[in-house]
Amino acid sequence: MYYVGFLLDAALAVAMTAMPFFVYKQLGGNEAMSGWFGGFAGAGYAVTCIVLSRFVSRADNILHWAAVGMAIYIGLFAAILFSRNPWICGTLYGLAFSAMALCWPALHAWIGSDPDPEVRKRHTGWFNVAWSLGMSVGPLLAGPLIDWHYGLSFGAVVALTLASLALVLSLPHEEQHFARATEEQLDARQAHDRASEAHLLCAWFATLTVNCLMGLTRNVFPKRIDDLVTSGRLRFFAEDVASAVLGANAATKFSWLAFVVTLASAGAFLAAGHTVRWRHNFAWLACVQVASGAAFWLLGHTSSLMAMILAFAVFGAASGQVFFAALTYSLADPARKHRRTTINEAMVGLGGFIGSVVAGSAVSRLGFDAAFRWMPLLVLGAVLLQWVLLWRGQRAVAGEQH
């Protein structure tokens, strides 16, 4: 399953890195069009997660649905190559990512089936490390392929997804691999499960928040890099004369940033999988989100590649910590784990939609500097709403106890 996560997210990372440059170079679009493409993908993923969650969770083997989602994704994404109509390409891209709604919740639910919370935490930690490493490697592969010929990146997506599909078909049913929870285990984890229930809504909204920012980095910020490279304004630090290395191949330059953000997420997953201080700790969740807002303020005020790398690293670590916490709380109740991981994944897609479409439109009208200046304030507002949701969750759990 770790290999499945690595290969599949490598494929998705190649696709997400390639699509903005496909929009700019092949379709003649701008950051707003690229934002809409990412928005179609995020909205389709979120809606499909919600609509199908109750149905798919009743399946005898949820991995069969994961395989179906991968097969549909391959066909729809490859079909984009045969059109230059932005509406057709955007629709195919959105539908392709909608098919992933059959896949990712099922994979998370399978890996999170161990009845022991500590063992489950380690399993999900390593699984998250695996897929985030795939997400890191994907852009490094995509950047040069796009600069050589955009069609090569599409071929890489198909090949990586096919390999992941073959592995999924070889996996056993979760009940054949994991033992059922004993009464002793259920009694021992009651306090953990109640605390997870109280933090659940708050963590879901935190997932929505960081994925709004993630949608912006994936679907809107590539245009910033393209503009800086084209105009010769991109610098390593603050040197007066730009290096010749930075004067071409914008897709490769952006792939470095995409590599950093997901590598930082992998580091956060690794740390979270082997520590407990973050668990049921709202202050920590709030701090990492505020740090990500500050990182986005920096992105709007710099042309230094090293400053961008620092900002992407901060954001990547923050988004990894938030996602891990939300996934942990979603898996706490075995009877509802698939439905809840589906909702968590829907927050990923909805955040991608909001970040891509709203931020893409704002950047197109206001420019990067003005649009990014508001990021810390927007994140602070989101954190305040999360605190309200936590307070309500704690009251609801306390009421159930009485």
Protein backbone atom coordinates (compact mmCIF):
# COMPACT_ATOMS: atom_id res chain seq x y z
CA MET A 1 0.00 0.00 0.00
CA TYR A 2 2.92 2.35 0.61
CA TYR A 3 4.05 1.77 -2.99
CA VAL A 4 0.51 2.42 -4.21
CA GLY A 5 0.47 5.79 -2.45
CA PHE A 6 3.90 6.72 -3.77
CA LEU A 7 3.18 5.86 -7.40
CA LEU A 8 -0.33 7.28 -7.50
CA ASP A 9 0.58 10.63 -6.01
CA ALA A 10 3.64 10.84 -8.24
CA ALA A 11 1.22 10.50 -11.16
CA LEU A 12 -1.13 13.15 -9.73
CA ALA A 13 1.80 15.50 -9.05
CA VAL A 14 2.99 15.19 -12.65
CA ALA A 15 -0.53 16.00 -13.83
CA MET A 16 -0.97 18.99 -11.51
CA THR A 17 2.46 20.37 -12.46
CA ALA A 18 1.86 19.91 -16.17
CA MET A 19 -1.64 21.33 -16.41
CA PRO A 20 -0.95 25.02 -15.65
CA PHE A 21 1.79 25.11 -18.28
CA PHE A 22 -0.45 23.23 -20.73
CA VAL A 23 -3.01 26.00 -20.15
CA TYR A 24 -0.44 28.78 -20.68
CA LYS A 25 1.45 27.31 -23.63
CA GLN A 26 -1.06 25.10 -25.50
CA LEU A 27 -4.41 26.74 -24.75
CA GLY A 28 -3.23 30.36 -24.57
CA GLY A 29 -4.77 30.85 -21.11
CA ASN A 30 -3.75 32.88 -18.06
CA GLU A 31 -3.69 32.37 -14.29
CA ALA A 32 -7.47 32.75 -14.08
CA MET A 33 -8.03 29.93 -16.60
CA SER A 34 -5.50 27.75 -14.81
CA GLY A 35 -7.31 28.53 -11.57
CA TRP A 36 -10.60 27.43 -13.08
CA PHE A 37 -9.03 24.17 -14.26
CA GLY A 38 -7.82 23.50 -10.73
CA GLY A 39 -11.20 24.59 -9.43
CA PHE A 40 -13.02 22.11 -11.67
CA ALA A 41 -10.74 19.36 -10.35
CA GLY A 42 -11.18 20.34 -6.71
CA ALA A 43 -14.94 20.83 -6.92
CA GLY A 44 -15.47 17.61 -8.85
CA TYR A 45 -13.39 15.69 -6.32
CA ALA A 46 -15.24 17.20 -3.36
CA VAL A 47 -18.72 16.68 -4.77
CA THR A 48 -17.99 13.11 -5.86
CA CYS A 49 -16.55 12.29 -2.43
CA ILE A 50 -19.71 13.49 -0.70
CA VAL A 51 -22.18 11.97 -3.17
CA LEU A 52 -20.58 8.53 -3.30
CA SER A 53 -19.32 8.22 0.27
CA ARG A 54 -22.37 6.44 1.72
CA PHE A 55 -22.64 4.12 -1.29
CA VAL A 56 -18.96 3.15 -1.58
CA SER A 57 -18.59 2.62 2.19
CA ARG A 58 -21.09 -0.26 1.94
CA ALA A 59 -19.04 -2.13 -0.67
CA ASP A 60 -17.72 -5.58 0.19
CA ASN A 61 -14.22 -4.56 -0.88
CA ILE A 62 -13.51 -0.83 -1.09
CA LEU A 63 -10.25 -1.47 -2.97
CA HIS A 64 -12.29 -2.52 -6.01
CA TRP A 65 -13.66 1.03 -6.15
CA ALA A 66 -10.14 2.39 -5.85
CA ALA A 67 -9.13 0.36 -8.91
CA VAL A 68 -12.17 1.61 -10.87
CA GLY A 69 -11.27 5.21 -9.98
CA MET A 70 -7.71 4.76 -11.24
CA ALA A 71 -8.87 3.24 -14.53
CA ILE A 72 -11.31 6.09 -15.17
CA TYR A 73 -8.63 8.64 -14.29
CA ILE A 74 -6.21 7.19 -16.85
CA GLY A 75 -8.73 7.35 -19.68
CA LEU A 76 -10.03 10.85 -18.98
CA PHE A 77 -6.64 12.44 -18.41
CA ALA A 78 -5.13 10.93 -21.55
CA ALA A 79 -8.10 12.24 -23.57
CA ILE A 80 -7.05 15.85 -22.80
CA LEU A 81 -4.22 15.46 -25.31
CA PHE A 82 -6.69 15.26 -28.21
CA SER A 83 -8.36 18.66 -27.72
CA ARG A 84 -7.41 22.32 -27.72
CA ASN A 85 -10.80 23.53 -26.58
CA PRO A 86 -10.41 24.97 -23.04
CA TRP A 87 -13.93 23.94 -22.02
CA ILE A 88 -13.41 20.34 -23.12
CA CYS A 89 -9.95 20.14 -21.55
CA GLY A 90 -11.13 21.69 -18.29
CA THR A 91 -14.10 19.34 -18.10
CA LEU A 92 -11.96 16.27 -18.74
CA TYR A 93 -9.43 17.42 -16.14
CA GLY A 94 -12.18 17.97 -13.57
CA LEU A 95 -13.81 14.61 -14.28
CA ALA A 96 -10.46 12.82 -14.10
CA PHE A 97 -9.82 14.15 -10.61
CA SER A 98 -13.43 13.41 -9.65
CA ALA A 99 -12.65 9.74 -10.32
CA MET A 100 -9.98 9.92 -7.61
CA ALA A 101 -12.85 10.30 -5.12
CA LEU A 102 -13.36 6.56 -5.56
CA CYS A 103 -9.73 5.96 -4.75
CA TRP A 104 -8.15 8.02 -1.97
CA PRO A 105 -10.78 7.59 0.76
CA ALA A 106 -10.66 3.84 0.15
CA LEU A 107 -6.86 3.76 0.43
CA HIS A 108 -6.87 5.79 3.65
CA ALA A 109 -9.64 3.65 5.13
CA TRP A 110 -7.76 0.43 4.29
CA ILE A 111 -4.47 1.59 5.82
CA GLY A 112 -6.32 2.93 8.87
CA SER A 113 -8.09 -0.33 9.71
CA ASP A 114 -5.79 -1.42 12.53
CA PRO A 115 -7.78 -1.40 15.82
CA ASP A 116 -4.83 -0.15 17.92
CA PRO A 117 -4.64 3.69 17.72
CA GLU A 118 -0.86 3.77 18.18
CA VAL A 119 -0.19 1.14 15.52
CA ARG A 120 -2.72 2.83 13.24
CA LYS A 121 -0.94 6.15 13.74
CA ARG A 122 2.36 4.63 12.61
CA HIS A 123 0.74 2.96 9.60
CA THR A 124 -1.00 6.13 8.47
CA GLY A 125 2.17 8.10 9.17
CA TRP A 126 4.27 5.97 6.86
CA PHE A 127 1.52 5.87 4.24
CA ASN A 128 1.34 9.66 4.27
CA VAL A 129 5.13 9.83 4.01
CA ALA A 130 4.98 7.48 1.01
CA TRP A 131 2.37 9.42 -0.97
CA SER A 132 3.93 12.78 -0.12
CA LEU A 133 7.31 11.53 -1.34
CA GLY A 134 5.55 10.57 -4.56
CA MET A 135 4.09 14.06 -4.67
CA SER A 136 7.63 15.41 -4.21
CA VAL A 137 9.23 13.31 -6.93
CA GLY A 138 6.40 13.92 -9.44
CA PRO A 139 7.14 17.62 -10.06
CA LEU A 140 10.88 16.94 -10.48
CA LEU A 141 9.94 14.45 -13.18
CA ALA A 142 7.27 16.68 -14.70
CA GLY A 143 9.28 19.90 -15.02
CA PRO A 144 11.91 18.67 -17.49
CA LEU A 145 9.34 16.54 -19.37
CA ILE A 146 7.12 19.60 -19.86
CA ASP A 147 10.05 21.71 -21.05
CA TRP A 148 11.07 18.98 -23.53
CA HIS A 149 7.54 18.16 -24.77
CA TYR A 150 4.28 18.40 -22.86
CA GLY A 151 3.09 15.04 -24.25
CA LEU A 152 5.82 13.23 -22.29
CA SER A 153 4.28 14.35 -19.01
CA PHE A 154 0.93 12.85 -20.03
CA GLY A 155 2.66 9.54 -20.80
CA ALA A 156 4.30 9.57 -17.36
CA VAL A 157 0.90 10.07 -15.69
CA VAL A 158 -0.56 7.05 -17.49
CA ALA A 159 2.43 4.80 -16.76
CA LEU A 160 2.61 5.66 -13.04
CA THR A 161 -1.14 5.23 -12.53
CA LEU A 162 -1.13 1.88 -14.31
CA ALA A 163 1.63 0.65 -12.00
CA SER A 164 -0.36 1.78 -8.96
CA LEU A 165 -3.50 0.08 -10.31
CA ALA A 166 -1.66 -3.23 -10.70
CA LEU A 167 -0.53 -3.10 -7.07
CA VAL A 168 -4.02 -2.28 -5.76
CA LEU A 169 -5.43 -5.33 -7.52
CA SER A 170 -2.89 -7.51 -5.66
CA LEU A 171 -3.86 -6.34 -2.15
CA PRO A 172 -5.99 -8.45 0.27
CA HIS A 173 -9.25 -7.37 1.87
CA GLU A 174 -8.70 -5.24 4.99
CA GLU A 175 -10.39 -7.86 7.21
CA GLN A 176 -7.92 -10.49 5.99
CA HIS A 177 -4.97 -8.25 6.83
CA PHE A 178 -5.99 -6.51 10.08
CA ALA A 179 -7.42 -8.09 13.23
CA ARG A 180 -10.75 -6.95 14.69
CA ALA A 181 -10.71 -4.76 17.80
CA THR A 182 -11.04 -6.62 21.10
CA GLU A 183 -13.19 -5.38 23.99
CA GLU A 184 -10.00 -4.50 25.89
CA GLN A 185 -8.77 -2.34 23.02
CA LEU A 186 -12.13 -0.58 22.70
CA ASP A 187 -12.18 0.20 26.42
CA ALA A 188 -8.57 1.40 26.46
CA ARG A 189 -9.06 3.92 23.64
CA GLN A 190 -12.32 5.51 24.82
CA ALA A 191 -10.65 8.74 25.96
CA HIS A 192 -8.76 9.00 22.66
CA ASP A 193 -11.92 8.42 20.64
CA ARG A 194 -13.93 11.04 22.57
CA ALA A 195 -11.21 13.66 22.16
CA SER A 196 -10.95 12.86 18.45
CA GLU A 197 -14.71 13.27 18.10
CA ALA A 198 -14.54 16.72 19.74
CA HIS A 199 -11.74 17.88 17.42
CA LEU A 200 -13.19 16.40 14.22
CA LEU A 201 -15.13 19.36 12.77
CA CYS A 202 -12.38 21.78 13.71
CA ALA A 203 -9.76 19.63 11.97
CA TRP A 204 -11.89 19.25 8.84
CA PHE A 205 -12.15 23.02 8.54
CA ALA A 206 -8.38 23.29 9.04
CA THR A 207 -7.98 20.84 6.13
CA LEU A 208 -10.21 23.11 4.06
CA THR A 209 -8.11 26.14 5.01
CA VAL A 210 -4.69 24.74 4.11
CA ASN A 211 -6.00 23.26 0.89
CA CYS A 212 -7.32 26.66 -0.19
CA LEU A 213 -3.68 27.74 0.01
CA MET A 214 -2.53 24.53 -1.69
CA GLY A 215 -4.86 25.16 -4.62
CA LEU A 216 -3.29 28.58 -5.03
CA THR A 217 0.26 27.21 -5.05
CA ARG A 218 -0.53 24.48 -7.56
CA ASN A 219 -2.76 26.29 -10.04
CA VAL A 220 -2.07 30.01 -9.72
CA PHE A 221 1.50 30.50 -8.50
CA PRO A 222 3.06 28.79 -11.57
CA LYS A 223 2.07 31.91 -13.52
CA ARG A 224 4.14 34.02 -11.10
CA ILE A 225 7.17 31.86 -11.84
CA ASP A 226 6.49 31.97 -15.58
CA ASP A 227 6.28 35.79 -15.52
CA LEU A 228 9.46 36.17 -13.44
CA VAL A 229 11.43 33.82 -15.70
CA THR A 230 10.14 35.41 -18.91
CA SER A 231 10.93 38.95 -17.72
CA GLY A 232 14.33 37.99 -16.27
CA ARG A 233 13.39 39.10 -12.75
CA LEU A 234 13.80 35.77 -10.94
CA ARG A 235 16.82 35.75 -8.59
CA PHE A 236 18.39 33.17 -6.31
CA PHE A 237 18.71 35.72 -3.50
CA ALA A 238 18.81 39.50 -4.16
CA GLU A 239 21.67 39.73 -6.65
CA ASP A 240 21.68 42.57 -9.19
CA VAL A 241 22.20 40.34 -12.23
CA ALA A 242 20.11 37.22 -12.71
CA SER A 243 21.86 33.90 -13.21
CA ALA A 244 21.58 32.42 -16.70
CA VAL A 245 20.17 29.28 -15.04
CA LEU A 246 17.04 31.23 -14.07
CA GLY A 247 16.34 32.69 -17.50
CA ALA A 248 14.49 29.75 -19.08
CA ASN A 249 12.46 26.58 -18.38
CA ALA A 250 9.88 28.00 -15.98
CA ALA A 251 8.24 24.61 -15.49
CA THR A 252 11.47 23.16 -14.14
CA LYS A 253 11.88 26.10 -11.74
CA PHE A 254 8.35 25.65 -10.43
CA SER A 255 8.97 21.92 -10.03
CA TRP A 256 11.69 22.76 -7.48
CA LEU A 257 9.12 24.59 -5.35
CA ALA A 258 6.55 21.81 -5.75
CA PHE A 259 9.23 19.33 -4.65
CA VAL A 260 10.00 21.36 -1.53
CA VAL A 261 6.39 21.77 -0.40
CA THR A 262 5.64 18.07 -0.54
CA LEU A 263 9.00 17.05 0.89
CA ALA A 264 8.25 19.29 3.86
CA SER A 265 4.84 17.61 4.16
CA ALA A 266 6.57 14.22 4.19
CA GLY A 267 8.78 15.43 7.03
CA ALA A 268 5.72 16.58 8.96
CA PHE A 269 4.04 13.21 8.42
CA LEU A 270 7.13 11.37 9.63
CA ALA A 271 7.30 13.51 12.76
CA ALA A 272 3.56 13.26 13.48
CA GLY A 273 3.63 9.49 13.07
CA HIS A 274 6.19 9.17 15.87
CA THR A 275 5.00 11.86 18.31
CA VAL A 276 1.81 12.61 20.24
CA ARG A 277 2.11 16.22 21.49
CA TRP A 278 0.18 17.54 18.46
CA ARG A 279 -2.74 15.20 19.08
CA HIS A 280 -5.90 16.95 20.34
CA ASN A 281 -3.81 20.16 20.62
CA PHE A 282 -5.65 23.05 18.97
CA ALA A 283 -2.92 25.59 19.80
CA TRP A 284 -0.44 23.64 17.69
CA LEU A 285 -2.92 23.35 14.81
CA ALA A 286 -3.55 27.10 14.94
CA CYS A 287 0.14 28.02 15.05
CA VAL A 288 1.09 26.02 11.97
CA GLN A 289 -1.77 27.60 10.00
CA VAL A 290 -0.74 31.12 11.03
CA ALA A 291 2.80 30.29 9.91
CA SER A 292 1.48 29.21 6.52
CA GLY A 293 -0.39 32.53 6.18
CA ALA A 294 2.84 34.41 6.88
CA ALA A 295 4.62 32.29 4.27
CA PHE A 296 2.08 33.33 1.65
CA TRP A 297 2.56 36.99 2.54
CA LEU A 298 6.26 36.48 1.79
CA LEU A 299 5.46 34.87 -1.58
CA GLY A 300 3.64 38.01 -2.66
CA HIS A 301 6.61 40.25 -1.89
CA THR A 302 9.67 38.48 -3.23
CA SER A 303 11.35 37.51 -6.48
CA SER A 304 13.99 35.45 -4.65
CA LEU A 305 13.86 31.74 -5.37
CA MET A 306 15.43 30.94 -2.00
CA ALA A 307 12.77 32.96 -0.16
CA MET A 308 10.10 31.11 -2.13
CA ILE A 309 11.67 27.77 -1.20
CA LEU A 310 11.58 28.78 2.49
CA ALA A 311 7.93 29.84 2.22
CA PHE A 312 6.95 26.62 0.42
CA ALA A 313 8.77 24.56 3.07
CA VAL A 314 6.87 26.28 5.88
CA PHE A 315 3.56 25.81 4.12
CA GLY A 316 4.31 22.19 3.25
CA ALA A 317 5.10 21.32 6.86
CA ALA A 318 1.94 23.09 8.06
CA SER A 319 -0.35 21.43 5.54
CA GLY A 320 1.13 18.01 6.35
CA GLN A 321 0.53 18.46 10.08
CA VAL A 322 -3.06 19.63 9.55
CA PHE A 323 -3.92 16.79 7.19
CA PHE A 324 -2.43 14.17 9.50
CA ALA A 325 -4.42 15.44 12.48
CA ALA A 326 -7.68 15.51 10.52
CA LEU A 327 -7.07 12.01 9.15
CA THR A 328 -6.28 10.67 12.62
CA TYR A 329 -9.54 12.00 14.02
CA SER A 330 -11.48 10.73 11.00
CA LEU A 331 -10.21 7.17 11.54
CA ALA A 332 -11.00 7.03 15.27
CA ASP A 333 -14.47 5.50 14.83
CA PRO A 334 -14.08 2.19 12.89
CA ALA A 335 -17.75 2.08 11.91
CA ARG A 336 -17.58 5.48 10.23
CA LYS A 337 -13.95 5.67 9.15
CA HIS A 338 -14.57 5.40 5.40
CA ARG A 339 -17.31 8.02 5.37
CA ARG A 340 -15.25 10.36 7.52
CA THR A 341 -12.06 9.98 5.51
CA THR A 342 -14.22 10.72 2.47
CA ILE A 343 -15.43 13.95 4.08
CA ASN A 344 -11.83 14.86 4.93
CA GLU A 345 -10.87 14.25 1.30
CA ALA A 346 -13.88 16.35 0.23
CA MET A 347 -12.40 19.22 2.27
CA VAL A 348 -9.18 18.75 0.30
CA GLY A 349 -11.09 19.08 -2.97
CA LEU A 350 -13.29 21.96 -1.80
CA GLY A 351 -10.25 23.84 -0.56
CA GLY A 352 -8.56 23.29 -3.91
CA PHE A 353 -11.62 24.71 -5.66
CA ILE A 354 -11.82 27.82 -3.50
CA GLY A 355 -8.09 28.47 -3.60
CA SER A 356 -7.82 27.95 -7.34
CA VAL A 357 -10.90 29.86 -8.50
CA VAL A 358 -11.18 32.65 -5.95
CA ALA A 359 -7.45 33.27 -5.62
CA GLY A 360 -6.94 32.90 -9.37
CA SER A 361 -9.57 35.55 -10.05
CA ALA A 362 -8.19 37.83 -7.32
CA VAL A 363 -4.64 37.57 -8.64
CA SER A 364 -5.84 38.20 -12.20
CA ARG A 365 -7.57 41.43 -11.12
CA LEU A 366 -5.36 42.73 -8.28
CA GLY A 367 -1.95 41.26 -9.01
CA PHE A 368 0.05 38.88 -6.82
CA ASP A 369 1.29 41.47 -4.32
CA ALA A 370 -2.15 42.85 -3.43
CA ALA A 371 -3.89 39.46 -3.40
CA PHE A 372 -1.24 37.77 -1.22
CA ARG A 373 -1.16 40.66 1.27
CA TRP A 374 -4.49 39.53 2.70
CA MET A 375 -3.51 35.91 3.29
CA PRO A 376 -2.47 36.20 6.97
CA LEU A 377 -5.72 37.96 7.87
CA LEU A 378 -7.83 35.37 6.03
CA VAL A 379 -6.00 32.53 7.78
CA LEU A 380 -6.54 34.17 11.18
CA GLY A 381 -10.27 34.37 10.46
CA ALA A 382 -10.32 30.69 9.53
CA VAL A 383 -8.49 29.75 12.75
CA LEU A 384 -11.04 31.70 14.81
CA LEU A 385 -13.88 29.78 13.17
CA GLN A 386 -12.07 26.52 13.91
CA TRP A 387 -11.89 27.47 17.60
CA VAL A 388 -15.67 27.94 17.60
CA LEU A 389 -16.13 24.52 15.98
CA LEU A 390 -13.84 22.95 18.59
CA TRP A 391 -15.83 24.55 21.43
CA ARG A 392 -19.07 23.19 19.96
CA GLY A 393 -17.50 19.74 19.46
CA GLN A 394 -16.32 19.60 23.06
CA ARG A 395 -19.77 20.57 24.32
CA ALA A 396 -21.42 17.92 22.16
CA VAL A 397 -19.08 15.17 23.42
CA ALA A 398 -19.57 16.29 27.03
CA GLY A 399 -23.35 16.17 26.53
CA GLU A 400 -23.18 12.63 25.19
CA GLN A 401 -21.21 11.51 28.26
CA HIS A 402 -23.96 12.77 30.55
